Amino acid sequence: MLERLIKYIFLFLSAAIPAVLASLRLVIDHICAIIAIAYQNYRCRDAQKDCDRNSH
């Protein structure tokens, strides 16, 4: 009984891992894009501060 359960779990995992990896890759891509956008906004804000400081 336990051996059959373990076999089913392994079958399920081997079938699910590709889907999990694909969704993980999507999530990581989204996180990277969000970080890149946030970083660009942060740099733009810094540049604006520098401009304000120089104009005064």
Protein backbone atom coordinates (compact mmCIF):
# COMPACT_ATOMS: atom_id res chain seq x y z
CA MET A 1 0.00 0.00 0.00
CA LEU A 2 2.68 2.47 1.02
CA GLU A 3 4.87 1.49 -1.92
CA ARG A 4 1.99 2.13 -4.33
CA LEU A 5 1.37 5.52 -2.71
CA ILE A 6 5.03 6.44 -3.07
CA LYS A 7 4.96 5.34 -6.72
CA TYR A 8 1.90 7.54 -7.36
CA ILE A 9 3.58 10.47 -5.63
CA PHE A 10 6.69 10.06 -7.80
CA LEU A 11 4.53 9.82 -10.94
CA PHE A 12 2.65 12.95 -9.93
CA LEU A 13 5.86 14.83 -9.17
CA SER A 14 7.51 13.81 -12.44
CA ALA A 15 4.42 15.00 -14.30
CA ALA A 16 4.07 18.23 -12.29
CA ILE A 17 7.71 19.34 -12.21
CA PRO A 18 7.82 20.69 -15.81
CA ALA A 19 4.67 22.74 -15.21
CA VAL A 20 6.01 23.99 -11.89
CA LEU A 21 9.31 24.96 -13.49
CA ALA A 22 7.53 26.77 -16.32
CA SER A 23 5.35 28.74 -13.91
CA LEU A 24 8.39 29.50 -11.75
CA ARG A 25 10.17 30.86 -14.81
CA LEU A 26 7.18 33.09 -15.57
CA VAL A 27 7.13 34.35 -11.98
CA ILE A 28 10.87 35.03 -12.06
CA ASP A 29 10.52 36.88 -15.38
CA HIS A 30 7.75 39.04 -13.89
CA ILE A 31 9.81 39.76 -10.77
CA CYS A 32 12.83 40.70 -12.88
CA ALA A 33 10.70 43.03 -15.00
CA ILE A 34 9.19 44.67 -11.92
CA ILE A 35 12.64 45.12 -10.37
CA ALA A 36 14.00 46.60 -13.60
CA ILE A 37 11.11 49.08 -13.85
CA ALA A 38 11.43 50.03 -10.18
CA TYR A 39 15.19 50.47 -10.58
CA GLN A 40 14.71 52.70 -13.64
CA ASN A 41 12.14 54.81 -11.77
CA TYR A 42 14.50 55.07 -8.80
CA ARG A 43 17.37 56.18 -11.03
CA CYS A 44 15.14 58.72 -12.79
CA ARG A 45 14.08 60.12 -9.42
CA ASP A 46 17.73 60.37 -8.37
CA ALA A 47 18.58 62.16 -11.61
CA GLN A 48 15.72 64.61 -11.05
CA LYS A 49 16.99 65.30 -7.52
CA ASP A 50 20.43 66.02 -8.95
CA CYS A 51 18.91 68.39 -11.50
CA ASP A 52 16.92 70.16 -8.77
CA ARG A 53 20.03 70.46 -6.64
CA ASN A 54 22.02 71.88 -9.57
CA SER A 55 19.29 74.36 -10.54
CA HIS A 56 19.17 75.97 -7.07
